[in-house]
Amino acid sequence: MIYSKYFSRYIRSRKKISFQQKRCTGCGQLIHPAENAVHFPCPNCGDVVIWRCEKCRRFAHPYTCIKCNFDGP
């Protein structure tokens, strides 16, 4: 089966999207896909997605919303 150059470009772009790593909002550490992390909308504004790594959740490190400056536990 012969694929066009556009199809291979599409596959490469999808791989980049699917493997983009997120950063913890509290500590800035990269979140591994297998890590037990959570994400949720900001409780105050609801526009920004907050990512929390397992360590920050366990020790209740504070985080700050980048849009409304809401400080959470």
N, C-alpha and C. Protein backbone atom coordinates (compact mmCIF):
# COMPACT_ATOMS: atom_id res chain seq x y z
N MET A 1 0.84 -1.17 0.00
CA MET A 1 0.00 0.00 0.00
C MET A 1 0.89 1.24 0.00
N ILE A 2 0.65 2.13 -0.90
CA ILE A 2 1.46 3.33 -1.03
C ILE A 2 0.70 4.51 -0.41
N TYR A 3 1.39 5.19 0.51
CA TYR A 3 0.79 6.35 1.16
C TYR A 3 1.30 7.62 0.52
N SER A 4 0.49 8.61 0.49
CA SER A 4 0.92 9.88 -0.06
C SER A 4 1.76 10.63 0.96
N LYS A 5 2.45 11.65 0.50
CA LYS A 5 3.27 12.45 1.42
C LYS A 5 2.39 13.19 2.42
N TYR A 6 1.16 13.48 2.04
CA TYR A 6 0.26 14.18 2.96
C TYR A 6 -0.17 13.27 4.10
N PHE A 7 -0.37 11.99 3.80
CA PHE A 7 -0.76 11.05 4.84
C PHE A 7 0.37 10.88 5.85
N SER A 8 1.59 10.76 5.38
CA SER A 8 2.72 10.60 6.31
C SER A 8 2.91 11.87 7.14
N ARG A 9 2.67 13.03 6.56
CA ARG A 9 2.75 14.28 7.31
C ARG A 9 1.65 14.31 8.38
N TYR A 10 0.47 13.80 8.04
CA TYR A 10 -0.64 13.74 8.99
C TYR A 10 -0.28 12.83 10.16
N ILE A 11 0.30 11.68 9.87
CA ILE A 11 0.68 10.73 10.92
C ILE A 11 1.72 11.36 11.85
N ARG A 12 2.72 12.03 11.29
CA ARG A 12 3.74 12.68 12.11
C ARG A 12 3.13 13.75 13.00
N SER A 13 2.20 14.52 12.47
CA SER A 13 1.59 15.58 13.27
C SER A 13 0.73 14.98 14.39
N ARG A 14 0.06 13.87 14.14
CA ARG A 14 -0.76 13.23 15.17
C ARG A 14 0.12 12.66 16.28
N LYS A 15 1.29 12.15 15.94
CA LYS A 15 2.19 11.63 16.96
C LYS A 15 2.66 12.75 17.88
N LYS A 16 2.93 13.92 17.32
CA LYS A 16 3.36 15.05 18.13
C LYS A 16 2.27 15.46 19.10
N ILE A 17 1.04 15.45 18.63
CA ILE A 17 -0.08 15.85 19.48
C ILE A 17 -0.31 14.84 20.59
N SER A 18 -0.26 13.56 20.25
CA SER A 18 -0.60 12.54 21.23
C SER A 18 0.47 12.37 22.30
N PHE A 19 1.71 12.76 22.02
CA PHE A 19 2.77 12.58 22.99
C PHE A 19 3.23 13.88 23.64
N GLN A 20 2.45 14.94 23.51
CA GLN A 20 2.81 16.17 24.19
C GLN A 20 2.65 15.96 25.69
N GLN A 21 3.68 16.31 26.42
CA GLN A 21 3.61 16.13 27.85
C GLN A 21 3.10 17.39 28.51
N LYS A 22 2.37 17.22 29.56
CA LYS A 22 1.82 18.33 30.32
C LYS A 22 2.73 18.64 31.48
N ARG A 23 2.61 19.85 32.00
CA ARG A 23 3.39 20.27 33.16
C ARG A 23 2.45 20.49 34.34
N CYS A 24 2.93 20.12 35.50
CA CYS A 24 2.17 20.33 36.73
C CYS A 24 2.07 21.83 36.98
N THR A 25 0.88 22.29 37.32
CA THR A 25 0.67 23.71 37.58
C THR A 25 1.33 24.14 38.88
N GLY A 26 1.47 23.21 39.82
CA GLY A 26 2.06 23.54 41.12
C GLY A 26 3.58 23.62 41.10
N CYS A 27 4.24 22.60 40.55
CA CYS A 27 5.70 22.54 40.62
C CYS A 27 6.38 22.72 39.27
N GLY A 28 5.65 22.63 38.18
CA GLY A 28 6.23 22.81 36.86
C GLY A 28 6.91 21.57 36.30
N GLN A 29 6.82 20.46 37.00
CA GLN A 29 7.44 19.21 36.57
C GLN A 29 6.65 18.60 35.42
N LEU A 30 7.36 17.97 34.48
CA LEU A 30 6.69 17.27 33.39
C LEU A 30 5.91 16.08 33.94
N ILE A 31 4.72 15.87 33.43
CA ILE A 31 3.88 14.77 33.89
C ILE A 31 3.99 13.64 32.88
N HIS A 32 4.43 12.49 33.35
CA HIS A 32 4.57 11.31 32.51
C HIS A 32 3.18 10.74 32.23
N PRO A 33 2.93 10.22 31.03
CA PRO A 33 1.60 9.69 30.71
C PRO A 33 1.13 8.58 31.65
N ALA A 34 2.05 7.81 32.22
CA ALA A 34 1.66 6.72 33.11
C ALA A 34 1.50 7.18 34.56
N GLU A 35 1.83 8.42 34.84
CA GLU A 35 1.75 8.92 36.22
C GLU A 35 0.29 9.12 36.63
N ASN A 36 0.05 9.01 37.90
CA ASN A 36 -1.30 9.15 38.44
C ASN A 36 -1.60 10.64 38.67
N ALA A 37 -1.74 11.38 37.59
CA ALA A 37 -1.99 12.82 37.67
C ALA A 37 -3.46 13.11 37.36
N VAL A 38 -3.89 14.29 37.75
CA VAL A 38 -5.27 14.71 37.47
C VAL A 38 -5.26 16.06 36.78
N HIS A 39 -6.33 16.33 36.08
CA HIS A 39 -6.53 17.66 35.50
C HIS A 39 -7.99 18.03 35.69
N PHE A 40 -8.21 19.32 35.91
CA PHE A 40 -9.55 19.82 36.16
C PHE A 40 -9.58 21.31 35.82
N PRO A 41 -10.76 21.85 35.54
CA PRO A 41 -10.84 23.29 35.26
C PRO A 41 -10.63 24.09 36.54
N CYS A 42 -10.18 25.31 36.38
CA CYS A 42 -9.97 26.18 37.53
C CYS A 42 -11.29 26.34 38.28
N PRO A 43 -11.29 26.17 39.61
CA PRO A 43 -12.53 26.29 40.38
C PRO A 43 -13.12 27.70 40.35
N ASN A 44 -12.31 28.70 40.09
CA ASN A 44 -12.79 30.08 40.12
C ASN A 44 -13.31 30.53 38.75
N CYS A 45 -12.48 30.44 37.71
CA CYS A 45 -12.89 30.95 36.40
C CYS A 45 -13.38 29.85 35.46
N GLY A 46 -12.85 28.64 35.60
CA GLY A 46 -13.27 27.53 34.76
C GLY A 46 -12.71 27.54 33.35
N ASP A 47 -11.86 28.50 33.02
CA ASP A 47 -11.32 28.61 31.67
C ASP A 47 -9.99 27.88 31.49
N VAL A 48 -9.22 27.77 32.54
CA VAL A 48 -7.88 27.19 32.47
C VAL A 48 -7.91 25.78 33.04
N VAL A 49 -7.20 24.87 32.39
CA VAL A 49 -7.09 23.49 32.88
C VAL A 49 -5.89 23.41 33.81
N ILE A 50 -6.13 22.96 35.03
CA ILE A 50 -5.09 22.80 36.04
C ILE A 50 -4.62 21.35 36.01
N TRP A 51 -3.32 21.15 35.88
CA TRP A 51 -2.72 19.82 35.92
C TRP A 51 -1.99 19.67 37.24
N ARG A 52 -2.21 18.54 37.92
CA ARG A 52 -1.57 18.28 39.21
C ARG A 52 -0.86 16.93 39.15
N CYS A 53 0.43 16.92 39.48
CA CYS A 53 1.17 15.66 39.52
C CYS A 53 0.84 14.94 40.83
N GLU A 54 1.24 13.71 40.89
CA GLU A 54 0.93 12.88 42.06
C GLU A 54 1.56 13.44 43.33
N LYS A 55 2.78 13.93 43.22
CA LYS A 55 3.49 14.46 44.39
C LYS A 55 2.79 15.71 44.94
N CYS A 56 2.40 16.62 44.07
CA CYS A 56 1.74 17.84 44.52
C CYS A 56 0.36 17.55 45.12
N ARG A 57 -0.31 16.56 44.58
CA ARG A 57 -1.60 16.17 45.16
C ARG A 57 -1.42 15.57 46.54
N ARG A 58 -0.42 14.71 46.67
CA ARG A 58 -0.21 14.01 47.94
C ARG A 58 0.18 14.98 49.05
N PHE A 59 1.05 15.94 48.75
CA PHE A 59 1.53 16.86 49.77
C PHE A 59 0.80 18.20 49.78
N ALA A 60 -0.24 18.33 48.98
CA ALA A 60 -1.10 19.52 48.92
C ALA A 60 -0.30 20.80 48.65
N HIS A 61 0.61 20.72 47.66
CA HIS A 61 1.35 21.91 47.25
C HIS A 61 0.38 22.88 46.58
N PRO A 62 0.52 24.17 46.83
CA PRO A 62 -0.41 25.13 46.24
C PRO A 62 -0.17 25.32 44.74
N TYR A 63 -1.22 25.72 44.05
CA TYR A 63 -1.13 26.05 42.64
C TYR A 63 -1.82 27.39 42.42
N THR A 64 -1.49 28.04 41.32
CA THR A 64 -2.08 29.33 40.99
C THR A 64 -2.59 29.30 39.56
N CYS A 65 -3.81 29.73 39.36
CA CYS A 65 -4.38 29.83 38.02
C CYS A 65 -3.69 30.98 37.28
N ILE A 66 -3.31 30.74 36.04
CA ILE A 66 -2.59 31.77 35.30
C ILE A 66 -3.51 32.88 34.79
N LYS A 67 -4.81 32.63 34.77
CA LYS A 67 -5.73 33.64 34.26
C LYS A 67 -6.30 34.53 35.37
N CYS A 68 -6.82 33.90 36.43
CA CYS A 68 -7.50 34.68 37.47
C CYS A 68 -6.72 34.78 38.77
N ASN A 69 -5.52 34.16 38.83
CA ASN A 69 -4.66 34.17 40.02
C ASN A 69 -5.30 33.53 41.24
N PHE A 70 -6.18 32.57 41.02
CA PHE A 70 -6.78 31.81 42.11
C PHE A 70 -5.72 30.89 42.71
N ASP A 71 -5.58 30.89 44.03
CA ASP A 71 -4.64 30.01 44.72
C ASP A 71 -5.40 28.83 45.31
N GLY A 72 -4.97 27.64 44.94
CA GLY A 72 -5.61 26.44 45.44
C GLY A 72 -4.66 25.61 46.27
N PRO A 73 -5.19 24.65 47.00
CA PRO A 73 -4.35 23.81 47.87
C PRO A 73 -3.48 22.85 47.11
